[in-house]
Amino acid sequence: GVGDDAGRKRPGPGRNLSPLLAGAATAAGG
């Protein structure tokens, strides 16, 4: 929590999209 981006969270519904996209890419590649 120290630094330039301390205390800032990404707003909106897409903030936890990375794991979903990684899973979709893995499924498509497989």
All heavy atoms as atom14 arrays in JSON, in Angstrom:
{
  "sequence": "GVGDDAGRKRPGPGRNLSPLLAGAATAAGG",
  "atom14_mask": [
    [1, 1, 1, 1, 0, 0, 0, 0, 0, 0, 0, 0, 0, 0],
    [1, 1, 1, 1, 1, 1, 1, 0, 0, 0, 0, 0, 0, 0],
    [1, 1, 1, 1, 0, 0, 0, 0, 0, 0, 0, 0, 0, 0],
    [1, 1, 1, 1, 1, 1, 1, 1, 0, 0, 0, 0, 0, 0],
    [1, 1, 1, 1, 1, 1, 1, 1, 0, 0, 0, 0, 0, 0],
    [1, 1, 1, 1, 1, 0, 0, 0, 0, 0, 0, 0, 0, 0],
    [1, 1, 1, 1, 0, 0, 0, 0, 0, 0, 0, 0, 0, 0],
    [1, 1, 1, 1, 1, 1, 1, 1, 1, 1, 1, 0, 0, 0],
    [1, 1, 1, 1, 1, 1, 1, 1, 1, 0, 0, 0, 0, 0],
    [1, 1, 1, 1, 1, 1, 1, 1, 1, 1, 1, 0, 0, 0],
    [1, 1, 1, 1, 1, 1, 1, 0, 0, 0, 0, 0, 0, 0],
    [1, 1, 1, 1, 0, 0, 0, 0, 0, 0, 0, 0, 0, 0],
    [1, 1, 1, 1, 1, 1, 1, 0, 0, 0, 0, 0, 0, 0],
    [1, 1, 1, 1, 0, 0, 0, 0, 0, 0, 0, 0, 0, 0],
    [1, 1, 1, 1, 1, 1, 1, 1, 1, 1, 1, 0, 0, 0],
    [1, 1, 1, 1, 1, 1, 1, 1, 0, 0, 0, 0, 0, 0],
    [1, 1, 1, 1, 1, 1, 1, 1, 0, 0, 0, 0, 0, 0],
    [1, 1, 1, 1, 1, 1, 0, 0, 0, 0, 0, 0, 0, 0],
    [1, 1, 1, 1, 1, 1, 1, 0, 0, 0, 0, 0, 0, 0],
    [1, 1, 1, 1, 1, 1, 1, 1, 0, 0, 0, 0, 0, 0],
    [1, 1, 1, 1, 1, 1, 1, 1, 0, 0, 0, 0, 0, 0],
    [1, 1, 1, 1, 1, 0, 0, 0, 0, 0, 0, 0, 0, 0],
    [1, 1, 1, 1, 0, 0, 0, 0, 0, 0, 0, 0, 0, 0],
    [1, 1, 1, 1, 1, 0, 0, 0, 0, 0, 0, 0, 0, 0],
    [1, 1, 1, 1, 1, 0, 0, 0, 0, 0, 0, 0, 0, 0],
    [1, 1, 1, 1, 1, 1, 1, 0, 0, 0, 0, 0, 0, 0],
    [1, 1, 1, 1, 1, 0, 0, 0, 0, 0, 0, 0, 0, 0],
    [1, 1, 1, 1, 1, 0, 0, 0, 0, 0, 0, 0, 0, 0],
    [1, 1, 1, 1, 0, 0, 0, 0, 0, 0, 0, 0, 0, 0],
    [1, 1, 1, 1, 0, 0, 0, 0, 0, 0, 0, 0, 0, 0]
  ],
  "atom14_positions": [
    [[0.78, -1.22, 0.0], [0.0, 0.0, 0.0], [0.82, 1.27, 0.0], [0.32, 2.32, 0.36], [0.0, 0.0, 0.0], [0.0, 0.0, 0.0], [0.0, 0.0, 0.0], [0.0, 0.0, 0.0], [0.0, 0.0, 0.0], [0.0, 0.0, 0.0], [0.0, 0.0, 0.0], [0.0, 0.0, 0.0], [0.0, 0.0, 0.0], [0.0, 0.0, 0.0]],
    [[2.09, 1.2, -0.37], [2.94, 2.38, -0.4], [3.36, 2.63, -1.83], [3.74, 1.71, -2.54], [4.2, 2.17, 0.48], [5.07, 3.41, 0.45], [3.81, 1.82, 1.89], [0.0, 0.0, 0.0], [0.0, 0.0, 0.0], [0.0, 0.0, 0.0], [0.0, 0.0, 0.0], [0.0, 0.0, 0.0], [0.0, 0.0, 0.0], [0.0, 0.0, 0.0]],
    [[3.28, 3.86, -2.31], [3.73, 4.17, -3.65], [2.73, 5.02, -4.41], [1.8, 5.59, -3.83], [0.0, 0.0, 0.0], [0.0, 0.0, 0.0], [0.0, 0.0, 0.0], [0.0, 0.0, 0.0], [0.0, 0.0, 0.0], [0.0, 0.0, 0.0], [0.0, 0.0, 0.0], [0.0, 0.0, 0.0], [0.0, 0.0, 0.0], [0.0, 0.0, 0.0]],
    [[2.97, 5.11, -5.72], [2.14, 5.96, -6.57], [0.7, 5.5, -6.67], [-0.22, 6.29, -6.7], [2.73, 6.04, -7.98], [4.04, 6.81, -8.0], [4.3, 7.54, -7.02], [4.77, 6.66, -8.98], [0.0, 0.0, 0.0], [0.0, 0.0, 0.0], [0.0, 0.0, 0.0], [0.0, 0.0, 0.0], [0.0, 0.0, 0.0], [0.0, 0.0, 0.0]],
    [[0.5, 4.18, -6.73], [-0.85, 3.67, -6.94], [-1.46, 3.13, -5.64], [-2.32, 2.26, -5.67], [-0.86, 2.6, -8.04], [0.12, 1.47, -7.76], [0.92, 1.58, -6.82], [0.08, 0.49, -8.48], [0.0, 0.0, 0.0], [0.0, 0.0, 0.0], [0.0, 0.0, 0.0], [0.0, 0.0, 0.0], [0.0, 0.0, 0.0], [0.0, 0.0, 0.0]],
    [[-1.03, 3.63, -4.51], [-1.53, 3.15, -3.23], [-2.98, 3.61, -3.03], [-3.32, 4.75, -3.26], [-0.68, 3.68, -2.08], [0.0, 0.0, 0.0], [0.0, 0.0, 0.0], [0.0, 0.0, 0.0], [0.0, 0.0, 0.0], [0.0, 0.0, 0.0], [0.0, 0.0, 0.0], [0.0, 0.0, 0.0], [0.0, 0.0, 0.0], [0.0, 0.0, 0.0]],
    [[-3.8, 2.71, -2.61], [-5.18, 3.03, -2.28], [-6.1, 3.16, -3.47], [-7.28, 3.38, -3.31], [0.0, 0.0, 0.0], [0.0, 0.0, 0.0], [0.0, 0.0, 0.0], [0.0, 0.0, 0.0], [0.0, 0.0, 0.0], [0.0, 0.0, 0.0], [0.0, 0.0, 0.0], [0.0, 0.0, 0.0], [0.0, 0.0, 0.0], [0.0, 0.0, 0.0]],
    [[-5.57, 3.03, -4.68], [-6.42, 3.15, -5.87], [-6.77, 1.77, -6.39], [-5.91, 0.95, -6.62], [-5.7, 3.92, -6.97], [-5.7, 5.4, -6.73], [-5.21, 6.12, -7.94], [-3.76, 6.11, -7.9], [-2.97, 6.35, -8.92], [-3.49, 6.58, -10.1], [-1.68, 6.34, -8.8], [0.0, 0.0, 0.0], [0.0, 0.0, 0.0], [0.0, 0.0, 0.0]],
    [[-8.05, 1.53, -6.57], [-8.5, 0.28, -7.17], [-9.17, 0.62, -8.48], [-9.72, 1.7, -8.65], [-9.48, -0.44, -6.25], [-8.83, -0.96, -5.0], [-9.81, -1.75, -4.19], [-9.15, -2.29, -2.94], [-10.07, -3.05, -2.13], [0.0, 0.0, 0.0], [0.0, 0.0, 0.0], [0.0, 0.0, 0.0], [0.0, 0.0, 0.0], [0.0, 0.0, 0.0]],
    [[-9.1, -0.32, -9.4], [-9.75, -0.09, -10.68], [-11.25, -0.17, -10.5], [-11.78, -1.17, -10.03], [-9.28, -1.13, -11.69], [-7.85, -0.9, -12.08], [-7.32, -1.87, -13.08], [-8.33, -2.61, -13.8], [-8.09, -3.71, -14.47], [-6.9, -4.21, -14.51], [-9.05, -4.33, -15.11], [0.0, 0.0, 0.0], [0.0, 0.0, 0.0], [0.0, 0.0, 0.0]],
    [[-11.96, 0.86, -10.9], [-13.41, 0.82, -10.76], [-14.05, 0.02, -11.88], [-13.45, -0.22, -12.91], [-13.81, 2.3, -10.86], [-12.76, 2.91, -11.71], [-11.49, 2.15, -11.39], [0.0, 0.0, 0.0], [0.0, 0.0, 0.0], [0.0, 0.0, 0.0], [0.0, 0.0, 0.0], [0.0, 0.0, 0.0], [0.0, 0.0, 0.0], [0.0, 0.0, 0.0]],
    [[-15.27, -0.38, -11.64], [-16.04, -1.02, -12.69], [-16.08, -2.53, -12.59], [-15.42, -3.14, -11.76], [0.0, 0.0, 0.0], [0.0, 0.0, 0.0], [0.0, 0.0, 0.0], [0.0, 0.0, 0.0], [0.0, 0.0, 0.0], [0.0, 0.0, 0.0], [0.0, 0.0, 0.0], [0.0, 0.0, 0.0], [0.0, 0.0, 0.0], [0.0, 0.0, 0.0]],
    [[-16.86, -3.14, -13.47], [-17.07, -4.59, -13.39], [-15.89, -5.4, -13.92], [-15.82, -6.59, -13.67], [-18.31, -4.82, -14.26], [-18.3, -3.68, -15.22], [-17.7, -2.52, -14.48], [0.0, 0.0, 0.0], [0.0, 0.0, 0.0], [0.0, 0.0, 0.0], [0.0, 0.0, 0.0], [0.0, 0.0, 0.0], [0.0, 0.0, 0.0], [0.0, 0.0, 0.0]],
    [[-14.95, -4.82, -14.68], [-13.87, -5.58, -15.29], [-12.61, -5.66, -14.46], [-11.55, -5.95, -14.97], [0.0, 0.0, 0.0], [0.0, 0.0, 0.0], [0.0, 0.0, 0.0], [0.0, 0.0, 0.0], [0.0, 0.0, 0.0], [0.0, 0.0, 0.0], [0.0, 0.0, 0.0], [0.0, 0.0, 0.0], [0.0, 0.0, 0.0], [0.0, 0.0, 0.0]],
    [[-12.68, -5.42, -13.17], [-11.46, -5.36, -12.37], [-10.84, -6.73, -12.11], [-9.67, -6.82, -11.85], [-11.72, -4.63, -11.06], [-12.73, -5.3, -10.17], [-12.91, -4.53, -8.88], [-14.03, -5.07, -8.17], [-15.15, -4.44, -7.93], [-15.27, -3.21, -8.34], [-16.13, -5.01, -7.3], [0.0, 0.0, 0.0], [0.0, 0.0, 0.0], [0.0, 0.0, 0.0]],
    [[-11.58, -7.8, -12.18], [-11.04, -9.15, -11.98], [-11.16, -9.98, -13.25], [-11.48, -11.15, -13.21], [-11.75, -9.85, -10.82], [-11.42, -9.23, -9.5], [-10.3, -8.76, -9.3], [-12.38, -9.21, -8.59], [0.0, 0.0, 0.0], [0.0, 0.0, 0.0], [0.0, 0.0, 0.0], [0.0, 0.0, 0.0], [0.0, 0.0, 0.0], [0.0, 0.0, 0.0]],
    [[-10.86, -9.36, -14.37], [-11.04, -10.01, -15.66], [-9.83, -10.84, -16.08], [-9.96, -11.73, -16.91], [-11.34, -8.94, -16.71], [-12.14, -9.34, -17.93], [-13.43, -10.03, -17.53], [-12.43, -8.13, -18.77], [0.0, 0.0, 0.0], [0.0, 0.0, 0.0], [0.0, 0.0, 0.0], [0.0, 0.0, 0.0], [0.0, 0.0, 0.0], [0.0, 0.0, 0.0]],
    [[-8.66, -10.58, -15.53], [-7.44, -11.27, -15.95], [-7.51, -12.78, -15.8], [-7.15, -13.5, -16.72], [-6.24, -10.72, -15.2], [-6.04, -9.38, -15.54], [0.0, 0.0, 0.0], [0.0, 0.0, 0.0], [0.0, 0.0, 0.0], [0.0, 0.0, 0.0], [0.0, 0.0, 0.0], [0.0, 0.0, 0.0], [0.0, 0.0, 0.0], [0.0, 0.0, 0.0]],
    [[-7.93, -13.32, -14.65], [-8.0, -14.78, -14.55], [-9.0, -15.4, -15.53], [-8.76, -16.48, -16.07], [-8.45, -15.03, -13.1], [-8.11, -13.79, -12.37], [-8.21, -12.68, -13.37], [0.0, 0.0, 0.0], [0.0, 0.0, 0.0], [0.0, 0.0, 0.0], [0.0, 0.0, 0.0], [0.0, 0.0, 0.0], [0.0, 0.0, 0.0], [0.0, 0.0, 0.0]],
    [[-10.09, -14.7, -15.79], [-11.08, -15.21, -16.73], [-10.51, -15.26, -18.15], [-10.68, -16.25, -18.87], [-12.33, -14.34, -16.7], [-13.46, -14.74, -17.65], [-14.02, -16.1, -17.25], [-14.53, -13.7, -17.66], [0.0, 0.0, 0.0], [0.0, 0.0, 0.0], [0.0, 0.0, 0.0], [0.0, 0.0, 0.0], [0.0, 0.0, 0.0], [0.0, 0.0, 0.0]],
    [[-9.8, -14.19, -18.55], [-9.19, -14.17, -19.88], [-8.08, -15.21, -20.01], [-7.92, -15.83, -21.06], [-8.65, -12.77, -20.19], [-9.7, -11.69, -20.41], [-9.02, -10.34, -20.6], [-10.56, -12.03, -21.61], [0.0, 0.0, 0.0], [0.0, 0.0, 0.0], [0.0, 0.0, 0.0], [0.0, 0.0, 0.0], [0.0, 0.0, 0.0], [0.0, 0.0, 0.0]],
    [[-7.31, -15.41, -18.95], [-6.26, -16.43, -18.98], [-6.87, -17.82, -19.13], [-6.36, -18.67, -19.89], [-5.42, -16.35, -17.72], [0.0, 0.0, 0.0], [0.0, 0.0, 0.0], [0.0, 0.0, 0.0], [0.0, 0.0, 0.0], [0.0, 0.0, 0.0], [0.0, 0.0, 0.0], [0.0, 0.0, 0.0], [0.0, 0.0, 0.0], [0.0, 0.0, 0.0]],
    [[-7.96, -18.06, -18.44], [-8.63, -19.36, -18.56], [-9.22, -19.57, -19.95], [-9.13, -20.67, -20.52], [0.0, 0.0, 0.0], [0.0, 0.0, 0.0], [0.0, 0.0, 0.0], [0.0, 0.0, 0.0], [0.0, 0.0, 0.0], [0.0, 0.0, 0.0], [0.0, 0.0, 0.0], [0.0, 0.0, 0.0], [0.0, 0.0, 0.0], [0.0, 0.0, 0.0]],
    [[-9.81, -18.52, -20.51], [-10.38, -18.64, -21.86], [-9.27, -18.87, -22.9], [-9.45, -19.66, -23.83], [-11.17, -17.38, -22.2], [0.0, 0.0, 0.0], [0.0, 0.0, 0.0], [0.0, 0.0, 0.0], [0.0, 0.0, 0.0], [0.0, 0.0, 0.0], [0.0, 0.0, 0.0], [0.0, 0.0, 0.0], [0.0, 0.0, 0.0], [0.0, 0.0, 0.0]],
    [[-8.15, -18.18, -22.74], [-7.03, -18.37, -23.67], [-6.47, -19.78, -23.57], [-6.13, -20.4, -24.58], [-5.94, -17.34, -23.39], [0.0, 0.0, 0.0], [0.0, 0.0, 0.0], [0.0, 0.0, 0.0], [0.0, 0.0, 0.0], [0.0, 0.0, 0.0], [0.0, 0.0, 0.0], [0.0, 0.0, 0.0], [0.0, 0.0, 0.0], [0.0, 0.0, 0.0]],
    [[-6.38, -20.3, -22.35], [-5.89, -21.66, -22.17], [-6.84, -22.67, -22.8], [-6.41, -23.62, -23.48], [-5.73, -21.96, -20.66], [-4.85, -21.0, -20.1], [-5.18, -23.35, -20.43], [0.0, 0.0, 0.0], [0.0, 0.0, 0.0], [0.0, 0.0, 0.0], [0.0, 0.0, 0.0], [0.0, 0.0, 0.0], [0.0, 0.0, 0.0], [0.0, 0.0, 0.0]],
    [[-8.13, -22.47, -22.62], [-9.12, -23.38, -23.21], [-9.09, -23.32, -24.74], [-9.14, -24.35, -25.42], [-10.51, -23.05, -22.69], [0.0, 0.0, 0.0], [0.0, 0.0, 0.0], [0.0, 0.0, 0.0], [0.0, 0.0, 0.0], [0.0, 0.0, 0.0], [0.0, 0.0, 0.0], [0.0, 0.0, 0.0], [0.0, 0.0, 0.0], [0.0, 0.0, 0.0]],
    [[-8.98, -22.1, -25.29], [-8.94, -21.97, -26.75], [-7.67, -22.59, -27.32], [-7.71, -23.29, -28.35], [-9.03, -20.49, -27.14], [0.0, 0.0, 0.0], [0.0, 0.0, 0.0], [0.0, 0.0, 0.0], [0.0, 0.0, 0.0], [0.0, 0.0, 0.0], [0.0, 0.0, 0.0], [0.0, 0.0, 0.0], [0.0, 0.0, 0.0], [0.0, 0.0, 0.0]],
    [[-6.55, -22.36, -26.68], [-5.3, -22.95, -27.15], [-5.31, -24.46, -27.04], [-4.87, -25.18, -27.96], [0.0, 0.0, 0.0], [0.0, 0.0, 0.0], [0.0, 0.0, 0.0], [0.0, 0.0, 0.0], [0.0, 0.0, 0.0], [0.0, 0.0, 0.0], [0.0, 0.0, 0.0], [0.0, 0.0, 0.0], [0.0, 0.0, 0.0], [0.0, 0.0, 0.0]],
    [[-5.81, -24.96, -25.92], [-5.91, -26.42, -25.75], [-6.84, -27.05, -26.78], [-6.56, -28.12, -27.33], [0.0, 0.0, 0.0], [0.0, 0.0, 0.0], [0.0, 0.0, 0.0], [0.0, 0.0, 0.0], [0.0, 0.0, 0.0], [0.0, 0.0, 0.0], [0.0, 0.0, 0.0], [0.0, 0.0, 0.0], [0.0, 0.0, 0.0], [0.0, 0.0, 0.0]]
  ]
}
